[in-house]
PDB file of N, CA and C in Angstrom:
ATOM      1  N   UNK A   1     -42.831  -7.268  -8.524  1.00  0.00           N
ATOM      2  CA  UNK A   1     -42.208  -6.571  -7.410  1.00  0.00           C
ATOM      3  C   UNK A   1     -40.698  -6.459  -7.594  1.00  0.00           C
ATOM      4  N   UNK A   2     -40.080  -7.435  -8.258  1.00  0.00           N
ATOM      5  CA  UNK A   2     -38.630  -7.371  -8.426  1.00  0.00           C
ATOM      6  C   UNK A   2     -38.210  -6.266  -9.379  1.00  0.00           C
ATOM      7  N   UNK A   3     -39.108  -5.776 -10.211  1.00  0.00           N
ATOM      8  CA  UNK A   3     -38.754  -4.694 -11.127  1.00  0.00           C
ATOM      9  C   UNK A   3     -38.447  -3.406 -10.359  1.00  0.00           C
ATOM     10  N   UNK A   4     -39.008  -3.258  -9.167  1.00  0.00           N
ATOM     11  CA  UNK A   4     -38.729  -2.077  -8.369  1.00  0.00           C
ATOM     12  C   UNK A   4     -37.324  -2.118  -7.764  1.00  0.00           C
ATOM     13  N   UNK A   5     -36.839  -3.313  -7.469  1.00  0.00           N
ATOM     14  CA  UNK A   5     -35.543  -3.445  -6.816  1.00  0.00           C
ATOM     15  C   UNK A   5     -34.402  -3.632  -7.803  1.00  0.00           C
ATOM     16  N   UNK A   6     -34.687  -4.108  -8.993  1.00  0.00           N
ATOM     17  CA  UNK A   6     -33.643  -4.373  -9.970  1.00  0.00           C
ATOM     18  C   UNK A   6     -34.104  -3.956 -11.366  1.00  0.00           C
ATOM     19  N   UNK A   7     -34.112  -2.646 -11.641  1.00  0.00           N
ATOM     20  CA  UNK A   7     -34.490  -2.213 -12.991  1.00  0.00           C
ATOM     21  C   UNK A   7     -33.502  -2.762 -14.014  1.00  0.00           C
ATOM     22  N   UNK A   8     -33.942  -3.034 -15.226  1.00  0.00           N
ATOM     23  CA  UNK A   8     -33.078  -3.702 -16.217  1.00  0.00           C
ATOM     24  C   UNK A   8     -31.842  -2.899 -16.631  1.00  0.00           C
ATOM     25  N   UNK A   9     -31.849  -1.605 -16.532  1.00  0.00           N
ATOM     26  CA  UNK A   9     -30.722  -0.802 -17.009  1.00  0.00           C
ATOM     27  C   UNK A   9     -29.751  -0.399 -15.897  1.00  0.00           C
ATOM     28  N   UNK A  10     -29.873  -0.943 -14.725  1.00  0.00           N
ATOM     29  CA  UNK A  10     -29.009  -0.541 -13.610  1.00  0.00           C
ATOM     30  C   UNK A  10     -27.788  -1.436 -13.449  1.00  0.00           C
ATOM     31  N   UNK A  11     -27.725  -2.543 -14.112  1.00  0.00           N
ATOM     32  CA  UNK A  11     -26.606  -3.466 -13.911  1.00  0.00           C
ATOM     33  C   UNK A  11     -25.302  -2.939 -14.494  1.00  0.00           C
ATOM     34  N   UNK A  12     -25.332  -2.322 -15.651  1.00  0.00           N
ATOM     35  CA  UNK A  12     -24.111  -1.843 -16.289  1.00  0.00           C
ATOM     36  C   UNK A  12     -23.434  -0.726 -15.478  1.00  0.00           C
ATOM     37  N   UNK A  13     -24.150   0.315 -15.062  1.00  0.00           N
ATOM     38  CA  UNK A  13     -23.469   1.351 -14.266  1.00  0.00           C
ATOM     39  C   UNK A  13     -22.944   0.828 -12.930  1.00  0.00           C
ATOM     40  N   UNK A  14     -23.674  -0.059 -12.304  1.00  0.00           N
ATOM     41  CA  UNK A  14     -23.213  -0.611 -11.030  1.00  0.00           C
ATOM     42  C   UNK A  14     -21.982  -1.483 -11.239  1.00  0.00           C
ATOM     43  N   UNK A  15     -21.954  -2.250 -12.291  1.00  0.00           N
ATOM     44  CA  UNK A  15     -20.793  -3.100 -12.577  1.00  0.00           C
ATOM     45  C   UNK A  15     -19.574  -2.250 -12.907  1.00  0.00           C
ATOM     46  N   UNK A  16     -19.772  -1.187 -13.680  1.00  0.00           N
ATOM     47  CA  UNK A  16     -18.668  -0.290 -14.014  1.00  0.00           C
ATOM     48  C   UNK A  16     -18.122   0.388 -12.757  1.00  0.00           C
ATOM     49  N   UNK A  17     -19.015   0.813 -11.886  1.00  0.00           N
ATOM     50  CA  UNK A  17     -18.582   1.437 -10.638  1.00  0.00           C
ATOM     51  C   UNK A  17     -17.806   0.451  -9.778  1.00  0.00           C
ATOM     52  N   UNK A  18     -18.223  -0.807  -9.756  1.00  0.00           N
ATOM     53  CA  UNK A  18     -17.519  -1.828  -8.972  1.00  0.00           C
ATOM     54  C   UNK A  18     -16.129  -2.096  -9.548  1.00  0.00           C
ATOM     55  N   UNK A  19     -16.007  -2.166 -10.859  1.00  0.00           N
ATOM     56  CA  UNK A  19     -14.712  -2.398 -11.493  1.00  0.00           C
ATOM     57  C   UNK A  19     -13.769  -1.232 -11.214  1.00  0.00           C
ATOM     58  N   UNK A  20     -14.265  -0.007 -11.296  1.00  0.00           N
ATOM     59  CA  UNK A  20     -13.430   1.160 -11.021  1.00  0.00           C
ATOM     60  C   UNK A  20     -13.011   1.203  -9.554  1.00  0.00           C
ATOM     61  N   UNK A  21     -13.887   0.788  -8.657  1.00  0.00           N
ATOM     62  CA  UNK A  21     -13.537   0.776  -7.229  1.00  0.00           C
ATOM     63  C   UNK A  21     -12.437  -0.236  -6.948  1.00  0.00           C
ATOM     64  N   UNK A  22     -12.531  -1.398  -7.552  1.00  0.00           N
ATOM     65  CA  UNK A  22     -11.497  -2.418  -7.347  1.00  0.00           C
ATOM     66  C   UNK A  22     -10.168  -1.947  -7.932  1.00  0.00           C
ATOM     67  N   UNK A  23     -10.204  -1.333  -9.103  1.00  0.00           N
ATOM     68  CA  UNK A  23      -8.972  -0.834  -9.722  1.00  0.00           C
ATOM     69  C   UNK A  23      -8.358   0.270  -8.872  1.00  0.00           C
ATOM     70  N   UNK A  24      -9.168   1.196  -8.382  1.00  0.00           N
ATOM     71  CA  UNK A  24      -8.644   2.282  -7.571  1.00  0.00           C
ATOM     72  C   UNK A  24      -8.069   1.762  -6.259  1.00  0.00           C
ATOM     73  N   UNK A  25      -8.721   0.769  -5.660  1.00  0.00           N
ATOM     74  CA  UNK A  25      -8.200   0.155  -4.443  1.00  0.00           C
ATOM     75  C   UNK A  25      -6.838  -0.489  -4.718  1.00  0.00           C
ATOM     76  N   UNK A  26      -6.692  -1.152  -5.837  1.00  0.00           N
ATOM     77  CA  UNK A  26      -5.418  -1.772  -6.199  1.00  0.00           C
ATOM     78  C   UNK A  26      -4.329  -0.746  -6.421  1.00  0.00           C
ATOM     79  N   UNK A  27      -4.650   0.357  -7.076  1.00  0.00           N
ATOM     80  CA  UNK A  27      -3.660   1.406  -7.323  1.00  0.00           C
ATOM     81  C   UNK A  27      -3.211   2.029  -6.015  1.00  0.00           C
ATOM     82  N   UNK A  28      -4.165   2.318  -5.129  1.00  0.00           N
ATOM     83  CA  UNK A  28      -3.800   2.916  -3.841  1.00  0.00           C
ATOM     84  C   UNK A  28      -2.959   1.967  -2.999  1.00  0.00           C
ATOM     85  N   UNK A  29      -3.284   0.678  -3.046  1.00  0.00           N
ATOM     86  CA  UNK A  29      -2.508  -0.300  -2.292  1.00  0.00           C
ATOM     87  C   UNK A  29      -1.093  -0.396  -2.842  1.00  0.00           C
ATOM     88  N   UNK A  30      -0.945  -0.386  -4.155  1.00  0.00           N
ATOM     89  CA  UNK A  30       0.378  -0.443  -4.769  1.00  0.00           C
ATOM     90  C   UNK A  30       1.204   0.793  -4.404  1.00  0.00           C
ATOM     91  N   UNK A  31       0.596   1.980  -4.453  1.00  0.00           N
ATOM     92  CA  UNK A  31       1.324   3.195  -4.093  1.00  0.00           C
ATOM     93  C   UNK A  31       1.727   3.187  -2.617  1.00  0.00           C
ATOM     94  N   UNK A  32       0.844   2.736  -1.754  1.00  0.00           N
ATOM     95  CA  UNK A  32       1.165   2.698  -0.327  1.00  0.00           C
ATOM     96  C   UNK A  32       2.275   1.701  -0.037  1.00  0.00           C
ATOM     97  N   UNK A  33       2.242   0.545  -0.681  1.00  0.00           N
ATOM     98  CA  UNK A  33       3.300  -0.439  -0.441  1.00  0.00           C
ATOM     99  C   UNK A  33       4.639   0.047  -0.982  1.00  0.00           C
ATOM    100  N   UNK A  34       4.626   0.769  -2.088  1.00  0.00           N
ATOM    101  CA  UNK A  34       5.859   1.337  -2.615  1.00  0.00           C
ATOM    102  C   UNK A  34       6.422   2.389  -1.650  1.00  0.00           C
ATOM    103  N   UNK A  35       5.547   3.196  -1.069  1.00  0.00           N
ATOM    104  CA  UNK A  35       5.999   4.190  -0.097  1.00  0.00           C
ATOM    105  C   UNK A  35       6.600   3.518   1.133  1.00  0.00           C
ATOM    106  N   UNK A  36       5.999   2.437   1.591  1.00  0.00           N
ATOM    107  CA  UNK A  36       6.538   1.725   2.754  1.00  0.00           C
ATOM    108  C   UNK A  36       7.901   1.137   2.433  1.00  0.00           C
ATOM    109  N   UNK A  37       8.050   0.568   1.243  1.00  0.00           N
ATOM    110  CA  UNK A  37       9.333  -0.027   0.856  1.00  0.00           C
ATOM    111  C   UNK A  37      10.415   1.047   0.759  1.00  0.00           C
ATOM    112  N   UNK A  38      10.066   2.224   0.271  1.00  0.00           N
ATOM    113  CA  UNK A  38      11.062   3.285   0.124  1.00  0.00           C
ATOM    114  C   UNK A  38      11.396   3.970   1.445  1.00  0.00           C
ATOM    115  N   UNK A  39      10.424   4.090   2.354  1.00  0.00           N
ATOM    116  CA  UNK A  39      10.651   4.815   3.598  1.00  0.00           C
ATOM    117  C   UNK A  39      11.204   3.948   4.723  1.00  0.00           C
ATOM    118  N   UNK A  40      10.980   2.662   4.687  1.00  0.00           N
ATOM    119  CA  UNK A  40      11.425   1.795   5.780  1.00  0.00           C
ATOM    120  C   UNK A  40      12.941   1.837   5.989  1.00  0.00           C
ATOM    121  N   UNK A  41      13.775   1.748   4.968  1.00  0.00           N
ATOM    122  CA  UNK A  41      15.226   1.818   5.218  1.00  0.00           C
ATOM    123  C   UNK A  41      15.675   3.162   5.793  1.00  0.00           C
ATOM    124  N   UNK A  42      14.966   4.217   5.491  1.00  0.00           N
ATOM    125  CA  UNK A  42      15.347   5.526   6.020  1.00  0.00           C
ATOM    126  C   UNK A  42      14.925   5.695   7.466  1.00  0.00           C
ATOM    127  N   UNK A  43      13.781   5.130   7.834  1.00  0.00           N
ATOM    128  CA  UNK A  43      13.290   5.284   9.198  1.00  0.00           C
ATOM    129  C   UNK A  43      13.877   4.253  10.148  1.00  0.00           C
ATOM    130  N   UNK A  44      14.147   3.059   9.650  1.00  0.00           N
ATOM    131  CA  UNK A  44      14.703   1.991  10.480  1.00  0.00           C
ATOM    132  C   UNK A  44      15.829   1.324   9.708  1.00  0.00           C
ATOM    133  N   UNK A  45      17.036   1.855   9.797  1.00  0.00           N
ATOM    134  CA  UNK A  45      18.140   1.262   9.042  1.00  0.00           C
ATOM    135  C   UNK A  45      18.436  -0.158   9.514  1.00  0.00           C
ATOM    136  N   UNK A  46      19.041  -0.913   8.673  1.00  0.00           N
ATOM    137  CA  UNK A  46      19.315  -2.314   8.956  1.00  0.00           C
ATOM    138  C   UNK A  46      20.411  -2.515   9.981  1.00  0.00           C
ATOM    139  N   UNK A  47      20.778  -3.762  10.245  1.00  0.00           N
ATOM    140  CA  UNK A  47      21.783  -4.066  11.258  1.00  0.00           C
ATOM    141  C   UNK A  47      23.181  -3.560  10.884  1.00  0.00           C
ATOM    142  N   UNK A  48      23.451  -3.360   9.618  1.00  0.00           N
ATOM    143  CA  UNK A  48      24.765  -2.843   9.217  1.00  0.00           C
ATOM    144  C   UNK A  48      24.983  -1.430   9.754  1.00  0.00           C
ATOM    145  N   UNK A  49      23.951  -0.616   9.732  1.00  0.00           N
ATOM    146  CA  UNK A  49      24.079   0.753  10.242  1.00  0.00           C
ATOM    147  C   UNK A  49      24.269   0.745  11.755  1.00  0.00           C
ATOM    148  N   UNK A  50      23.611  -0.174  12.451  1.00  0.00           N
ATOM    149  CA  UNK A  50      23.770  -0.260  13.909  1.00  0.00           C
ATOM    150  C   UNK A  50      25.162  -0.765  14.261  1.00  0.00           C
ATOM    151  N   UNK A  51      25.679  -1.702  13.518  1.00  0.00           N
ATOM    152  CA  UNK A  51      26.997  -2.254  13.799  1.00  0.00           C
ATOM    153  C   UNK A  51      28.086  -1.212  13.530  1.00  0.00           C
ATOM    154  N   UNK A  52      27.880  -0.406  12.545  1.00  0.00           N
ATOM    155  CA  UNK A  52      28.866   0.601  12.178  1.00  0.00           C
ATOM    156  C   UNK A  52      29.034   1.639  13.283  1.00  0.00           C
ATOM    157  N   UNK A  53      27.983   1.886  14.066  1.00  0.00           N
ATOM    158  CA  UNK A  53      28.031   2.910  15.113  1.00  0.00           C
ATOM    159  C   UNK A  53      28.086   2.300  16.520  1.00  0.00           C
ATOM    160  N   UNK A  54      28.377   1.036  16.647  1.00  0.00           N
ATOM    161  CA  UNK A  54      28.371   0.422  17.963  1.00  0.00           C
ATOM    162  C   UNK A  54      29.677   0.709  18.699  1.00  0.00           C
ATOM    163  N   UNK A  55      29.667   0.484  19.993  1.00  0.00           N
ATOM    164  CA  UNK A  55      30.845   0.736  20.825  1.00  0.00           C
ATOM    165  C   UNK A  55      31.959  -0.271  20.535  1.00  0.00           C
ATOM    166  N   UNK A  56      31.605  -1.440  20.045  1.00  0.00           N
ATOM    167  CA  UNK A  56      32.604  -2.475  19.779  1.00  0.00           C
ATOM    168  C   UNK A  56      33.550  -2.070  18.640  1.00  0.00           C
ATOM    169  N   UNK A  57      33.071  -1.271  17.723  1.00  0.00           N
ATOM    170  CA  UNK A  57      33.903  -0.869  16.581  1.00  0.00           C
ATOM    171  C   UNK A  57      34.545   0.487  16.772  1.00  0.00           C
ATOM    172  N   UNK A  58      34.212   1.161  17.872  1.00  0.00           N
ATOM    173  CA  UNK A  58      34.785   2.507  18.104  1.00  0.00           C
ATOM    174  C   UNK A  58      36.267   2.357  18.486  1.00  0.00           C
ATOM    175  N   UNK A  59      37.107   3.261  18.020  1.00  0.00           N
ATOM    176  CA  UNK A  59      38.531   3.190  18.380  1.00  0.00           C
ATOM    177  C   UNK A  59      38.722   3.508  19.856  1.00  0.00           C
ATOM    178  N   UNK A  60      39.647   2.823  20.456  1.00  0.00           N
ATOM    179  CA  UNK A  60      39.936   3.050  21.884  1.00  0.00           C
ATOM    180  C   UNK A  60      40.994   4.133  22.014  1.00  0.00           C
ATOM    181  N   UNK A  61      40.838   4.975  23.028  1.00  0.00           N
ATOM    182  CA  UNK A  61      41.823   6.065  23.210  1.00  0.00           C
ATOM    183  C   UNK A  61      43.138   5.585  23.768  1.00  0.00           C
TER     184      UNK A  61
END
């Protein structure tokens, strides 16, 4: 009965598909994290940018 559920030649293609899925998941995760690292300073600048435009540093008339 187990021959119906696990034919002898099915392990290699399934293993290859699993390895490719893990690799593709890793590549997509790396690309997404790189995009977050590059876009975060542009969307939410650090405290230096906020301090530069604060009222405390503005010249008084």
